[in-house]
């Protein structure tokens, strides 16, 4: 199973996104990203699973996504 880092604009979006995805059955967490990889507020959603479905859930519920990286 692939692991993805979903960078959000704010920690609020990261929390909202995590909660939405958990309700849909995804295994997700939030991590503080530091260093050269940092985008936005520095918080990101870490996802193990189907990125296409997760991205759709997030965007359809107003979660701003800055970038998605495969880890």
PDB file of N, CA and C in Angstrom:
ATOM      1  N   UNK A   1       0.842  -1.173   0.000  1.00  0.00           N
ATOM      2  CA  UNK A   1       0.000   0.000   0.000  1.00  0.00           C
ATOM      3  C   UNK A   1       0.890   1.240   0.000  1.00  0.00           C
ATOM      4  N   UNK A   2       0.563   2.173  -0.860  1.00  0.00           N
ATOM      5  CA  UNK A   2       1.371   3.373  -0.980  1.00  0.00           C
ATOM      6  C   UNK A   2       1.032   4.374   0.124  1.00  0.00           C
ATOM      7  N   UNK A   3       2.013   5.202   0.440  1.00  0.00           N
ATOM      8  CA  UNK A   3       1.862   6.225   1.465  1.00  0.00           C
ATOM      9  C   UNK A   3       2.002   7.586   0.788  1.00  0.00           C
ATOM     10  N   UNK A   4       1.106   8.502   1.152  1.00  0.00           N
ATOM     11  CA  UNK A   4       1.088   9.829   0.545  1.00  0.00           C
ATOM     12  C   UNK A   4       1.125  10.916   1.603  1.00  0.00           C
ATOM     13  N   UNK A   5       1.737  12.034   1.238  1.00  0.00           N
ATOM     14  CA  UNK A   5       1.746  13.232   2.070  1.00  0.00           C
ATOM     15  C   UNK A   5       0.873  14.251   1.361  1.00  0.00           C
ATOM     16  N   UNK A   6      -0.197  14.690   2.028  1.00  0.00           N
ATOM     17  CA  UNK A   6      -1.121  15.663   1.451  1.00  0.00           C
ATOM     18  C   UNK A   6      -0.913  16.979   2.197  1.00  0.00           C
ATOM     19  N   UNK A   7      -0.288  17.936   1.538  1.00  0.00           N
ATOM     20  CA  UNK A   7      -0.028  19.240   2.149  1.00  0.00           C
ATOM     21  C   UNK A   7      -1.279  20.102   2.054  1.00  0.00           C
ATOM     22  N   UNK A   8      -1.663  20.678   3.189  1.00  0.00           N
ATOM     23  CA  UNK A   8      -2.842  21.541   3.242  1.00  0.00           C
ATOM     24  C   UNK A   8      -2.413  22.976   3.542  1.00  0.00           C
ATOM     25  N   UNK A   9      -3.320  23.914   3.311  1.00  0.00           N
ATOM     26  CA  UNK A   9      -3.002  25.325   3.516  1.00  0.00           C
ATOM     27  C   UNK A   9      -2.875  25.723   4.972  1.00  0.00           C
ATOM     28  N   UNK A  10      -3.627  25.054   5.859  1.00  0.00           N
ATOM     29  CA  UNK A  10      -3.603  25.399   7.278  1.00  0.00           C
ATOM     30  C   UNK A  10      -3.746  24.135   8.119  1.00  0.00           C
ATOM     31  N   UNK A  11      -3.425  24.246   9.392  1.00  0.00           N
ATOM     32  CA  UNK A  11      -3.606  23.117  10.301  1.00  0.00           C
ATOM     33  C   UNK A  11      -5.097  22.797  10.430  1.00  0.00           C
ATOM     34  N   UNK A  12      -5.952  23.802  10.301  1.00  0.00           N
ATOM     35  CA  UNK A  12      -7.400  23.582  10.354  1.00  0.00           C
ATOM     36  C   UNK A  12      -7.849  22.670   9.220  1.00  0.00           C
ATOM     37  N   UNK A  13      -7.342  22.901   8.006  1.00  0.00           N
ATOM     38  CA  UNK A  13      -7.663  22.022   6.876  1.00  0.00           C
ATOM     39  C   UNK A  13      -7.120  20.609   7.120  1.00  0.00           C
ATOM     40  N   UNK A  14      -5.945  20.511   7.716  1.00  0.00           N
ATOM     41  CA  UNK A  14      -5.364  19.200   7.985  1.00  0.00           C
ATOM     42  C   UNK A  14      -6.254  18.408   8.955  1.00  0.00           C
ATOM     43  N   UNK A  15      -6.725  19.064   9.999  1.00  0.00           N
ATOM     44  CA  UNK A  15      -7.591  18.403  10.980  1.00  0.00           C
ATOM     45  C   UNK A  15      -8.929  18.021  10.346  1.00  0.00           C
ATOM     46  N   UNK A  16      -9.517  18.958   9.606  1.00  0.00           N
ATOM     47  CA  UNK A  16     -10.790  18.689   8.934  1.00  0.00           C
ATOM     48  C   UNK A  16     -10.640  17.515   7.961  1.00  0.00           C
ATOM     49  N   UNK A  17      -9.564  17.530   7.178  1.00  0.00           N
ATOM     50  CA  UNK A  17      -9.318  16.461   6.217  1.00  0.00           C
ATOM     51  C   UNK A  17      -9.119  15.121   6.882  1.00  0.00           C
ATOM     52  N   UNK A  18      -8.348  15.103   7.956  1.00  0.00           N
ATOM     53  CA  UNK A  18      -8.131  13.862   8.702  1.00  0.00           C
ATOM     54  C   UNK A  18      -9.462  13.282   9.190  1.00  0.00           C
ATOM     55  N   UNK A  19     -10.272  14.140   9.780  1.00  0.00           N
ATOM     56  CA  UNK A  19     -11.556  13.681  10.316  1.00  0.00           C
ATOM     57  C   UNK A  19     -12.486  13.168   9.220  1.00  0.00           C
ATOM     58  N   UNK A  20     -12.548  13.874   8.092  1.00  0.00           N
ATOM     59  CA  UNK A  20     -13.377  13.436   6.966  1.00  0.00           C
ATOM     60  C   UNK A  20     -12.930  12.065   6.453  1.00  0.00           C
ATOM     61  N   UNK A  21     -11.621  11.915   6.273  1.00  0.00           N
ATOM     62  CA  UNK A  21     -11.095  10.664   5.726  1.00  0.00           C
ATOM     63  C   UNK A  21     -11.269   9.508   6.696  1.00  0.00           C
ATOM     64  N   UNK A  22     -11.108   9.761   7.987  1.00  0.00           N
ATOM     65  CA  UNK A  22     -11.326   8.693   8.977  1.00  0.00           C
ATOM     66  C   UNK A  22     -12.767   8.211   8.948  1.00  0.00           C
ATOM     67  N   UNK A  23     -13.702   9.141   8.782  1.00  0.00           N
ATOM     68  CA  UNK A  23     -15.120   8.760   8.714  1.00  0.00           C
ATOM     69  C   UNK A  23     -15.409   7.878   7.501  1.00  0.00           C
ATOM     70  N   UNK A  24     -14.597   8.041   6.452  1.00  0.00           N
ATOM     71  CA  UNK A  24     -14.754   7.230   5.234  1.00  0.00           C
ATOM     72  C   UNK A  24     -13.952   5.935   5.296  1.00  0.00           C
ATOM     73  N   UNK A  25     -13.257   5.697   6.412  1.00  0.00           N
ATOM     74  CA  UNK A  25     -12.537   4.447   6.594  1.00  0.00           C
ATOM     75  C   UNK A  25     -11.066   4.458   6.211  1.00  0.00           C
ATOM     76  N   UNK A  26     -10.515   5.618   5.886  1.00  0.00           N
ATOM     77  CA  UNK A  26      -9.097   5.713   5.533  1.00  0.00           C
ATOM     78  C   UNK A  26      -8.236   5.695   6.790  1.00  0.00           C
ATOM     79  N   UNK A  27      -7.029   5.176   6.649  1.00  0.00           N
ATOM     80  CA  UNK A  27      -6.055   5.226   7.731  1.00  0.00           C
ATOM     81  C   UNK A  27      -5.188   6.463   7.491  1.00  0.00           C
ATOM     82  N   UNK A  28      -5.408   7.490   8.322  1.00  0.00           N
ATOM     83  CA  UNK A  28      -4.713   8.762   8.150  1.00  0.00           C
ATOM     84  C   UNK A  28      -4.236   9.304   9.489  1.00  0.00           C
ATOM     85  N   UNK A  29      -3.252  10.185   9.413  1.00  0.00           N
ATOM     86  CA  UNK A  29      -2.769  10.904  10.582  1.00  0.00           C
ATOM     87  C   UNK A  29      -2.313  12.283  10.123  1.00  0.00           C
ATOM     88  N   UNK A  30      -1.971  13.119  11.079  1.00  0.00           N
ATOM     89  CA  UNK A  30      -1.432  14.444  10.767  1.00  0.00           C
ATOM     90  C   UNK A  30      -0.005  14.489  11.303  1.00  0.00           C
ATOM     91  N   UNK A  31       0.895  15.059  10.507  1.00  0.00           N
ATOM     92  CA  UNK A  31       2.283  15.222  10.943  1.00  0.00           C
ATOM     93  C   UNK A  31       2.746  16.638  10.635  1.00  0.00           C
ATOM     94  N   UNK A  32       3.656  17.123  11.449  1.00  0.00           N
ATOM     95  CA  UNK A  32       4.310  18.402  11.200  1.00  0.00           C
ATOM     96  C   UNK A  32       5.489  18.109  10.293  1.00  0.00           C
ATOM     97  N   UNK A  33       5.515  18.740   9.145  1.00  0.00           N
ATOM     98  CA  UNK A  33       6.585  18.534   8.169  1.00  0.00           C
ATOM     99  C   UNK A  33       7.540  19.725   8.275  1.00  0.00           C
ATOM    100  N   UNK A  34       8.820  19.446   8.430  1.00  0.00           N
ATOM    101  CA  UNK A  34       9.812  20.513   8.531  1.00  0.00           C
ATOM    102  C   UNK A  34      10.878  20.343   7.463  1.00  0.00           C
ATOM    103  N   UNK A  35      11.665  21.356   7.278  1.00  0.00           N
ATOM    104  CA  UNK A  35      12.771  21.287   6.332  1.00  0.00           C
ATOM    105  C   UNK A  35      12.358  21.699   4.937  1.00  0.00           C
ATOM    106  N   UNK A  36      13.064  21.184   3.961  1.00  0.00           N
ATOM    107  CA  UNK A  36      12.878  21.571   2.567  1.00  0.00           C
ATOM    108  C   UNK A  36      11.514  21.176   2.013  1.00  0.00           C
ATOM    109  N   UNK A  37      10.884  20.146   2.597  1.00  0.00           N
ATOM    110  CA  UNK A  37       9.588  19.677   2.091  1.00  0.00           C
ATOM    111  C   UNK A  37       8.414  20.559   2.515  1.00  0.00           C
ATOM    112  N   UNK A  38       8.620  21.476   3.449  1.00  0.00           N
ATOM    113  CA  UNK A  38       7.524  22.239   4.044  1.00  0.00           C
ATOM    114  C   UNK A  38       6.778  23.085   3.020  1.00  0.00           C
ATOM    115  N   UNK A  39       5.455  22.987   3.069  1.00  0.00           N
ATOM    116  CA  UNK A  39       4.569  23.824   2.261  1.00  0.00           C
ATOM    117  C   UNK A  39       3.467  24.337   3.176  1.00  0.00           C
ATOM    118  N   UNK A  40       2.976  25.533   2.917  1.00  0.00           N
ATOM    119  CA  UNK A  40       1.865  26.067   3.708  1.00  0.00           C
ATOM    120  C   UNK A  40       2.231  26.182   5.169  1.00  0.00           C
ATOM    121  N   UNK A  41       1.352  25.686   6.026  1.00  0.00           N
ATOM    122  CA  UNK A  41       1.525  25.802   7.472  1.00  0.00           C
ATOM    123  C   UNK A  41       2.529  24.804   8.027  1.00  0.00           C
ATOM    124  N   UNK A  42       2.910  23.819   7.232  1.00  0.00           N
ATOM    125  CA  UNK A  42       3.840  22.809   7.691  1.00  0.00           C
ATOM    126  C   UNK A  42       3.179  21.537   8.187  1.00  0.00           C
ATOM    127  N   UNK A  43       1.845  21.529   8.253  1.00  0.00           N
ATOM    128  CA  UNK A  43       1.131  20.322   8.660  1.00  0.00           C
ATOM    129  C   UNK A  43       0.592  19.623   7.423  1.00  0.00           C
ATOM    130  N   UNK A  44       0.613  18.301   7.474  1.00  0.00           N
ATOM    131  CA  UNK A  44       0.149  17.522   6.329  1.00  0.00           C
ATOM    132  C   UNK A  44      -0.613  16.297   6.809  1.00  0.00           C
ATOM    133  N   UNK A  45      -1.484  15.825   5.943  1.00  0.00           N
ATOM    134  CA  UNK A  45      -2.211  14.589   6.196  1.00  0.00           C
ATOM    135  C   UNK A  45      -1.387  13.454   5.607  1.00  0.00           C
ATOM    136  N   UNK A  46      -1.148  12.428   6.393  1.00  0.00           N
ATOM    137  CA  UNK A  46      -0.422  11.254   5.927  1.00  0.00           C
ATOM    138  C   UNK A  46      -1.455  10.163   5.666  1.00  0.00           C
ATOM    139  N   UNK A  47      -1.468   9.666   4.442  1.00  0.00           N
ATOM    140  CA  UNK A  47      -2.483   8.704   4.005  1.00  0.00           C
ATOM    141  C   UNK A  47      -1.838   7.409   3.549  1.00  0.00           C
ATOM    142  N   UNK A  48      -2.393   6.314   3.997  1.00  0.00           N
ATOM    143  CA  UNK A  48      -2.047   4.992   3.475  1.00  0.00           C
ATOM    144  C   UNK A  48      -3.286   4.477   2.768  1.00  0.00           C
ATOM    145  N   UNK A  49      -3.285   4.500   1.443  1.00  0.00           N
ATOM    146  CA  UNK A  49      -4.459   4.023   0.722  1.00  0.00           C
ATOM    147  C   UNK A  49      -4.642   4.664  -0.634  1.00  0.00           C
ATOM    148  N   UNK A  50      -5.892   4.689  -1.098  1.00  0.00           N
ATOM    149  CA  UNK A  50      -6.266   5.155  -2.425  1.00  0.00           C
ATOM    150  C   UNK A  50      -6.278   6.677  -2.480  1.00  0.00           C
ATOM    151  N   UNK A  51      -5.295   7.263  -3.116  1.00  0.00           N
ATOM    152  CA  UNK A  51      -5.166   8.720  -3.157  1.00  0.00           C
ATOM    153  C   UNK A  51      -6.258   9.363  -3.996  1.00  0.00           C
ATOM    154  N   UNK A  52      -6.685   8.731  -5.060  1.00  0.00           N
ATOM    155  CA  UNK A  52      -7.708   9.336  -5.935  1.00  0.00           C
ATOM    156  C   UNK A  52      -9.023   9.537  -5.180  1.00  0.00           C
ATOM    157  N   UNK A  53      -9.461   8.512  -4.471  1.00  0.00           N
ATOM    158  CA  UNK A  53     -10.703   8.620  -3.704  1.00  0.00           C
ATOM    159  C   UNK A  53     -10.548   9.626  -2.560  1.00  0.00           C
ATOM    160  N   UNK A  54      -9.415   9.573  -1.866  1.00  0.00           N
ATOM    161  CA  UNK A  54      -9.178  10.496  -0.755  1.00  0.00           C
ATOM    162  C   UNK A  54      -9.139  11.943  -1.240  1.00  0.00           C
ATOM    163  N   UNK A  55      -8.467  12.185  -2.342  1.00  0.00           N
ATOM    164  CA  UNK A  55      -8.396  13.540  -2.894  1.00  0.00           C
ATOM    165  C   UNK A  55      -9.789  14.043  -3.258  1.00  0.00           C
ATOM    166  N   UNK A  56     -10.600  13.179  -3.838  1.00  0.00           N
ATOM    167  CA  UNK A  56     -11.964  13.544  -4.196  1.00  0.00           C
ATOM    168  C   UNK A  56     -12.773  13.930  -2.957  1.00  0.00           C
ATOM    169  N   UNK A  57     -12.671  13.133  -1.890  1.00  0.00           N
ATOM    170  CA  UNK A  57     -13.379  13.427  -0.640  1.00  0.00           C
ATOM    171  C   UNK A  57     -12.950  14.794  -0.103  1.00  0.00           C
ATOM    172  N   UNK A  58     -11.646  15.039  -0.081  1.00  0.00           N
ATOM    173  CA  UNK A  58     -11.137  16.300   0.462  1.00  0.00           C
ATOM    174  C   UNK A  58     -11.603  17.498  -0.360  1.00  0.00           C
ATOM    175  N   UNK A  59     -11.424  17.426  -1.659  1.00  0.00           N
ATOM    176  CA  UNK A  59     -11.799  18.559  -2.523  1.00  0.00           C
ATOM    177  C   UNK A  59     -13.304  18.815  -2.506  1.00  0.00           C
ATOM    178  N   UNK A  60     -14.104  17.758  -2.487  1.00  0.00           N
ATOM    179  CA  UNK A  60     -15.563  17.912  -2.469  1.00  0.00           C
ATOM    180  C   UNK A  60     -16.079  18.495  -1.159  1.00  0.00           C
ATOM    181  N   UNK A  61     -15.234  18.467  -0.125  1.00  0.00           N
ATOM    182  CA  UNK A  61     -15.625  19.007   1.172  1.00  0.00           C
ATOM    183  C   UNK A  61     -14.868  20.286   1.527  1.00  0.00           C
ATOM    184  N   UNK A  62     -14.253  20.901   0.528  1.00  0.00           N
ATOM    185  CA  UNK A  62     -13.647  22.216   0.709  1.00  0.00           C
ATOM    186  C   UNK A  62     -12.289  22.258   1.382  1.00  0.00           C
ATOM    187  N   UNK A  63     -11.586  21.130   1.431  1.00  0.00           N
ATOM    188  CA  UNK A  63     -10.240  21.113   2.024  1.00  0.00           C
ATOM    189  C   UNK A  63      -9.243  21.548   0.955  1.00  0.00           C
ATOM    190  N   UNK A  64      -8.510  22.621   1.238  1.00  0.00           N
ATOM    191  CA  UNK A  64      -7.531  23.144   0.281  1.00  0.00           C
ATOM    192  C   UNK A  64      -6.280  22.269   0.301  1.00  0.00           C
ATOM    193  N   UNK A  65      -5.940  21.725  -0.860  1.00  0.00           N
ATOM    194  CA  UNK A  65      -4.756  20.885  -1.013  1.00  0.00           C
ATOM    195  C   UNK A  65      -3.715  21.673  -1.798  1.00  0.00           C
ATOM    196  N   UNK A  66      -2.530  21.824  -1.197  1.00  0.00           N
ATOM    197  CA  UNK A  66      -1.440  22.532  -1.883  1.00  0.00           C
ATOM    198  C   UNK A  66      -0.665  21.594  -2.806  1.00  0.00           C
ATOM    199  N   UNK A  67      -0.386  20.384  -2.314  1.00  0.00           N
ATOM    200  CA  UNK A  67       0.394  19.433  -3.097  1.00  0.00           C
ATOM    201  C   UNK A  67       0.244  18.049  -2.480  1.00  0.00           C
ATOM    202  N   UNK A  68       0.414  17.033  -3.317  1.00  0.00           N
ATOM    203  CA  UNK A  68       0.398  15.646  -2.849  1.00  0.00           C
ATOM    204  C   UNK A  68       1.700  15.000  -3.311  1.00  0.00           C
ATOM    205  N   UNK A  69       2.397  14.378  -2.358  1.00  0.00           N
ATOM    206  CA  UNK A  69       3.649  13.677  -2.689  1.00  0.00           C
ATOM    207  C   UNK A  69       3.530  12.223  -2.257  1.00  0.00           C
ATOM    208  N   UNK A  70       4.090  11.339  -3.080  1.00  0.00           N
ATOM    209  CA  UNK A  70       4.152   9.927  -2.712  1.00  0.00           C
ATOM    210  C   UNK A  70       5.405   9.725  -1.878  1.00  0.00           C
ATOM    211  N   UNK A  71       5.265   8.992  -0.799  1.00  0.00           N
ATOM    212  CA  UNK A  71       6.407   8.777   0.093  1.00  0.00           C
ATOM    213  C   UNK A  71       6.856   7.343   0.003  1.00  0.00           C
TER     214      UNK A  71
END
